[in-house]
Amino acid sequence: MVVVIMTTPSILPSKTPTPITSIPHFPSNPKSIILYQCKTIMDLNQVHAHLIKTRLIHSPAVAANLLESAALILPDAMDYALSVFHSIPQPNPPAYNILIRGLTLHHSPHRAILLFKHMCHDNLVYPDDFTFCAVFKACSKLRALLQAQQA
């Protein structure tokens, strides 16, 4: 005697979906998450979206942390850093400093100097001591003594 067992095929996806990462508890000062736990641009996107949603992005210190992570910590995120910078309504000197350092670090010292010139022509933002250090580094990479003397 032959017994035939009919089974219905299971309805399972062919690929296991990737888990959606979430931030279980977002701290009031998100510097630790932004600077130390964002390892990819996707992580940074998630934190950035949360900062927009909670309106924390309007805090200059929080925006600077996001900018620092994109410009200085994550590889190949300079375009993301530029988009974050351009979305800040009134960037402060630390935001400019971070972007100038990031551009210098990522082999764009000429763009860093142009950003500094733009900063100086914008009468609302005055460079500070950290700005000059970053600009001097960009000038040294370009071997641009004249620009360094003018800064």
C-alpha atoms as a PDB file:
ATOM      1  CA  MET A   1       0.000   0.000   0.000  1.00  0.00           C
ATOM      2  CA  VAL A   2       1.341   3.438  -0.968  1.00  0.00           C
ATOM      3  CA  VAL A   3       0.387   6.438   1.102  1.00  0.00           C
ATOM      4  CA  VAL A   4       0.566   9.825  -0.519  1.00  0.00           C
ATOM      5  CA  ILE A   5       0.787  12.738   1.853  1.00  0.00           C
ATOM      6  CA  MET A   6      -0.192  16.059   0.402  1.00  0.00           C
ATOM      7  CA  THR A   7       1.389  19.078   2.031  1.00  0.00           C
ATOM      8  CA  THR A   8       0.896  22.682   1.229  1.00  0.00           C
ATOM      9  CA  PRO A   9       4.049  24.529   0.400  1.00  0.00           C
ATOM     10  CA  SER A  10       5.163  26.897   3.111  1.00  0.00           C
ATOM     11  CA  ILE A  11       4.926  30.527   2.310  1.00  0.00           C
ATOM     12  CA  LEU A  12       8.406  31.642   3.259  1.00  0.00           C
ATOM     13  CA  PRO A  13      10.354  34.278   1.442  1.00  0.00           C
ATOM     14  CA  SER A  14      13.245  33.063  -0.609  1.00  0.00           C
ATOM     15  CA  LYS A  15      15.542  35.467   1.196  1.00  0.00           C
ATOM     16  CA  THR A  16      15.520  36.313   4.827  1.00  0.00           C
ATOM     17  CA  PRO A  17      14.710  39.994   5.183  1.00  0.00           C
ATOM     18  CA  THR A  18      17.338  42.093   6.809  1.00  0.00           C
ATOM     19  CA  PRO A  19      16.347  43.180  10.283  1.00  0.00           C
ATOM     20  CA  ILE A  20      15.371  46.769  10.725  1.00  0.00           C
ATOM     21  CA  THR A  21      17.679  48.332  13.202  1.00  0.00           C
ATOM     22  CA  SER A  22      16.133  50.697  15.635  1.00  0.00           C
ATOM     23  CA  ILE A  23      17.320  52.961  18.360  1.00  0.00           C
ATOM     24  CA  PRO A  24      15.717  51.616  21.540  1.00  0.00           C
ATOM     25  CA  HIS A  25      16.602  54.610  23.706  1.00  0.00           C
ATOM     26  CA  PHE A  26      17.770  57.777  22.081  1.00  0.00           C
ATOM     27  CA  PRO A  27      19.829  59.813  24.554  1.00  0.00           C
ATOM     28  CA  SER A  28      19.186  63.483  25.165  1.00  0.00           C
ATOM     29  CA  ASN A  29      22.778  64.167  24.069  1.00  0.00           C
ATOM     30  CA  PRO A  30      23.173  61.956  20.977  1.00  0.00           C
ATOM     31  CA  LYS A  31      26.919  62.539  20.604  1.00  0.00           C
ATOM     32  CA  SER A  32      27.766  58.996  21.728  1.00  0.00           C
ATOM     33  CA  ILE A  33      25.432  57.411  19.181  1.00  0.00           C
ATOM     34  CA  ILE A  34      26.409  59.715  16.336  1.00  0.00           C
ATOM     35  CA  LEU A  35      30.162  59.627  16.785  1.00  0.00           C
ATOM     36  CA  TYR A  36      30.783  56.139  18.137  1.00  0.00           C
ATOM     37  CA  GLN A  37      27.987  53.868  16.936  1.00  0.00           C
ATOM     38  CA  CYS A  38      27.378  55.066  13.379  1.00  0.00           C
ATOM     39  CA  LYS A  39      29.611  52.794  11.336  1.00  0.00           C
ATOM     40  CA  THR A  40      27.944  53.195   7.946  1.00  0.00           C
ATOM     41  CA  ILE A  41      26.120  55.869   6.001  1.00  0.00           C
ATOM     42  CA  MET A  42      22.948  53.835   6.509  1.00  0.00           C
ATOM     43  CA  ASP A  43      23.373  54.147  10.305  1.00  0.00           C
ATOM     44  CA  LEU A  44      23.985  57.851   9.901  1.00  0.00           C
ATOM     45  CA  ASN A  45      20.851  58.186   7.757  1.00  0.00           C
ATOM     46  CA  GLN A  46      18.780  56.549  10.478  1.00  0.00           C
ATOM     47  CA  VAL A  47      20.118  58.843  13.192  1.00  0.00           C
ATOM     48  CA  HIS A  48      19.765  61.866  10.896  1.00  0.00           C
ATOM     49  CA  ALA A  49      16.113  60.992  10.228  1.00  0.00           C
ATOM     50  CA  HIS A  50      15.484  60.682  13.963  1.00  0.00           C
ATOM     51  CA  LEU A  51      17.148  64.048  14.599  1.00  0.00           C
ATOM     52  CA  ILE A  52      14.932  65.665  11.970  1.00  0.00           C
ATOM     53  CA  LYS A  53      11.826  63.980  13.372  1.00  0.00           C
ATOM     54  CA  THR A  54      12.573  65.083  16.943  1.00  0.00           C
ATOM     55  CA  ARG A  55      13.809  68.523  15.808  1.00  0.00           C
ATOM     56  CA  LEU A  56      17.135  67.945  17.585  1.00  0.00           C
ATOM     57  CA  ILE A  57      18.857  68.717  14.292  1.00  0.00           C
ATOM     58  CA  HIS A  58      18.239  72.420  15.030  1.00  0.00           C
ATOM     59  CA  SER A  59      20.644  72.262  17.962  1.00  0.00           C
ATOM     60  CA  PRO A  60      24.035  73.515  16.720  1.00  0.00           C
ATOM     61  CA  ALA A  61      25.926  71.009  18.891  1.00  0.00           C
ATOM     62  CA  VAL A  62      23.901  68.050  17.608  1.00  0.00           C
ATOM     63  CA  ALA A  63      24.235  69.202  13.986  1.00  0.00           C
ATOM     64  CA  ALA A  64      27.993  69.539  14.516  1.00  0.00           C
ATOM     65  CA  ASN A  65      28.159  65.958  15.825  1.00  0.00           C
ATOM     66  CA  LEU A  66      26.310  64.661  12.770  1.00  0.00           C
ATOM     67  CA  LEU A  67      28.551  66.711  10.511  1.00  0.00           C
ATOM     68  CA  GLU A  68      31.687  65.471  12.286  1.00  0.00           C
ATOM     69  CA  SER A  69      30.668  61.854  11.890  1.00  0.00           C
ATOM     70  CA  ALA A  70      30.022  62.290   8.172  1.00  0.00           C
ATOM     71  CA  ALA A  71      33.036  64.488   7.397  1.00  0.00           C
ATOM     72  CA  LEU A  72      35.740  63.007   9.594  1.00  0.00           C
ATOM     73  CA  ILE A  73      34.846  59.525  10.806  1.00  0.00           C
ATOM     74  CA  LEU A  74      33.008  57.654   8.058  1.00  0.00           C
ATOM     75  CA  PRO A  75      34.946  56.907   4.883  1.00  0.00           C
ATOM     76  CA  ASP A  76      33.396  58.170   1.652  1.00  0.00           C
ATOM     77  CA  ALA A  77      30.718  60.261   3.387  1.00  0.00           C
ATOM     78  CA  MET A  78      31.971  63.706   2.422  1.00  0.00           C
ATOM     79  CA  ASP A  79      29.067  64.305   0.023  1.00  0.00           C
ATOM     80  CA  TYR A  80      26.687  63.434   2.846  1.00  0.00           C
ATOM     81  CA  ALA A  81      28.541  65.878   5.114  1.00  0.00           C
ATOM     82  CA  LEU A  82      28.207  68.615   2.489  1.00  0.00           C
ATOM     83  CA  SER A  83      24.464  68.001   2.204  1.00  0.00           C
ATOM     84  CA  VAL A  84      24.094  68.153   5.995  1.00  0.00           C
ATOM     85  CA  PHE A  85      26.130  71.358   6.095  1.00  0.00           C
ATOM     86  CA  HIS A  86      24.050  73.013   3.386  1.00  0.00           C
ATOM     87  CA  SER A  87      20.864  72.114   5.257  1.00  0.00           C
ATOM     88  CA  ILE A  88      21.980  74.077   8.343  1.00  0.00           C
ATOM     89  CA  PRO A  89      20.266  77.493   8.135  1.00  0.00           C
ATOM     90  CA  GLN A  90      23.015  79.460   9.898  1.00  0.00           C
ATOM     91  CA  PRO A  91      26.175  77.382  10.275  1.00  0.00           C
ATOM     92  CA  ASN A  92      28.362  78.366  13.214  1.00  0.00           C
ATOM     93  CA  PRO A  93      32.191  78.361  13.281  1.00  0.00           C
ATOM     94  CA  PRO A  94      32.424  74.753  14.583  1.00  0.00           C
ATOM     95  CA  ALA A  95      30.349  73.551  11.615  1.00  0.00           C
ATOM     96  CA  TYR A  96      32.656  75.384   9.204  1.00  0.00           C
ATOM     97  CA  ASN A  97      35.716  74.048  11.043  1.00  0.00           C
ATOM     98  CA  ILE A  98      34.540  70.460  10.773  1.00  0.00           C
ATOM     99  CA  LEU A  99      33.824  70.796   7.075  1.00  0.00           C
ATOM    100  CA  ILE A 100      37.149  72.522   6.376  1.00  0.00           C
ATOM    101  CA  ARG A 101      38.967  69.740   8.259  1.00  0.00           C
ATOM    102  CA  GLY A 102      36.969  67.086   6.386  1.00  0.00           C
ATOM    103  CA  LEU A 103      37.694  68.588   2.986  1.00  0.00           C
ATOM    104  CA  THR A 104      41.392  68.841   3.834  1.00  0.00           C
ATOM    105  CA  LEU A 105      41.423  65.258   5.101  1.00  0.00           C
ATOM    106  CA  HIS A 106      39.678  63.941   1.991  1.00  0.00           C
ATOM    107  CA  HIS A 107      42.143  65.442  -0.474  1.00  0.00           C
ATOM    108  CA  SER A 108      40.185  68.612  -1.268  1.00  0.00           C
ATOM    109  CA  PRO A 109      42.278  71.309   0.420  1.00  0.00           C
ATOM    110  CA  HIS A 110      41.470  73.747  -2.390  1.00  0.00           C
ATOM    111  CA  ARG A 111      37.745  73.369  -1.656  1.00  0.00           C
ATOM    112  CA  ALA A 112      38.525  73.812   2.049  1.00  0.00           C
ATOM    113  CA  ILE A 113      40.179  77.167   1.353  1.00  0.00           C
ATOM    114  CA  LEU A 114      37.275  78.221  -0.871  1.00  0.00           C
ATOM    115  CA  LEU A 115      34.871  77.365   1.951  1.00  0.00           C
ATOM    116  CA  PHE A 116      36.970  79.468   4.332  1.00  0.00           C
ATOM    117  CA  LYS A 117      36.832  82.405   1.908  1.00  0.00           C
ATOM    118  CA  HIS A 118      33.058  81.983   1.672  1.00  0.00           C
ATOM    119  CA  MET A 119      32.882  81.931   5.475  1.00  0.00           C
ATOM    120  CA  CYS A 120      34.847  85.178   5.722  1.00  0.00           C
ATOM    121  CA  HIS A 121      32.660  86.944   3.169  1.00  0.00           C
ATOM    122  CA  ASP A 122      29.587  85.919   5.168  1.00  0.00           C
ATOM    123  CA  ASN A 123      29.651  88.660   7.811  1.00  0.00           C
ATOM    124  CA  LEU A 124      27.516  86.633  10.236  1.00  0.00           C
ATOM    125  CA  VAL A 125      30.205  84.012  10.908  1.00  0.00           C
ATOM    126  CA  TYR A 126      33.638  84.886  12.225  1.00  0.00           C
ATOM    127  CA  PRO A 127      36.489  82.367  12.175  1.00  0.00           C
ATOM    128  CA  ASP A 128      37.954  81.229  15.466  1.00  0.00           C
ATOM    129  CA  ASP A 129      41.348  79.799  16.431  1.00  0.00           C
ATOM    130  CA  PHE A 130      40.340  76.310  15.304  1.00  0.00           C
ATOM    131  CA  THR A 131      39.339  77.659  11.897  1.00  0.00           C
ATOM    132  CA  PHE A 132      42.809  79.051  11.303  1.00  0.00           C
ATOM    133  CA  CYS A 133      44.452  75.751  12.287  1.00  0.00           C
ATOM    134  CA  ALA A 134      42.307  73.895   9.754  1.00  0.00           C
ATOM    135  CA  VAL A 135      42.940  76.461   7.021  1.00  0.00           C
ATOM    136  CA  PHE A 136      46.693  76.463   7.645  1.00  0.00           C
ATOM    137  CA  LYS A 137      46.700  72.690   7.250  1.00  0.00           C
ATOM    138  CA  ALA A 138      44.862  73.002   3.925  1.00  0.00           C
ATOM    139  CA  CYS A 139      47.344  75.667   2.802  1.00  0.00           C
ATOM    140  CA  SER A 140      50.287  73.479   3.777  1.00  0.00           C
ATOM    141  CA  LYS A 141      48.907  70.586   1.732  1.00  0.00           C
ATOM    142  CA  LEU A 142      48.699  72.908  -1.263  1.00  0.00           C
ATOM    143  CA  ARG A 143      52.026  74.529  -0.442  1.00  0.00           C
ATOM    144  CA  ALA A 144      50.156  77.830  -0.616  1.00  0.00           C
ATOM    145  CA  LEU A 145      52.186  80.126   1.579  1.00  0.00           C
ATOM    146  CA  LEU A 146      50.566  83.277   0.179  1.00  0.00           C
ATOM    147  CA  GLN A 147      47.044  82.082   1.050  1.00  0.00           C
ATOM    148  CA  ALA A 148      48.213  81.105   4.545  1.00  0.00           C
ATOM    149  CA  GLN A 149      49.653  84.573   5.086  1.00  0.00           C
ATOM    150  CA  GLN A 150      46.400  86.167   3.922  1.00  0.00           C
ATOM    151  CA  ALA A 151      44.299  84.051   6.319  1.00  0.00           C
END
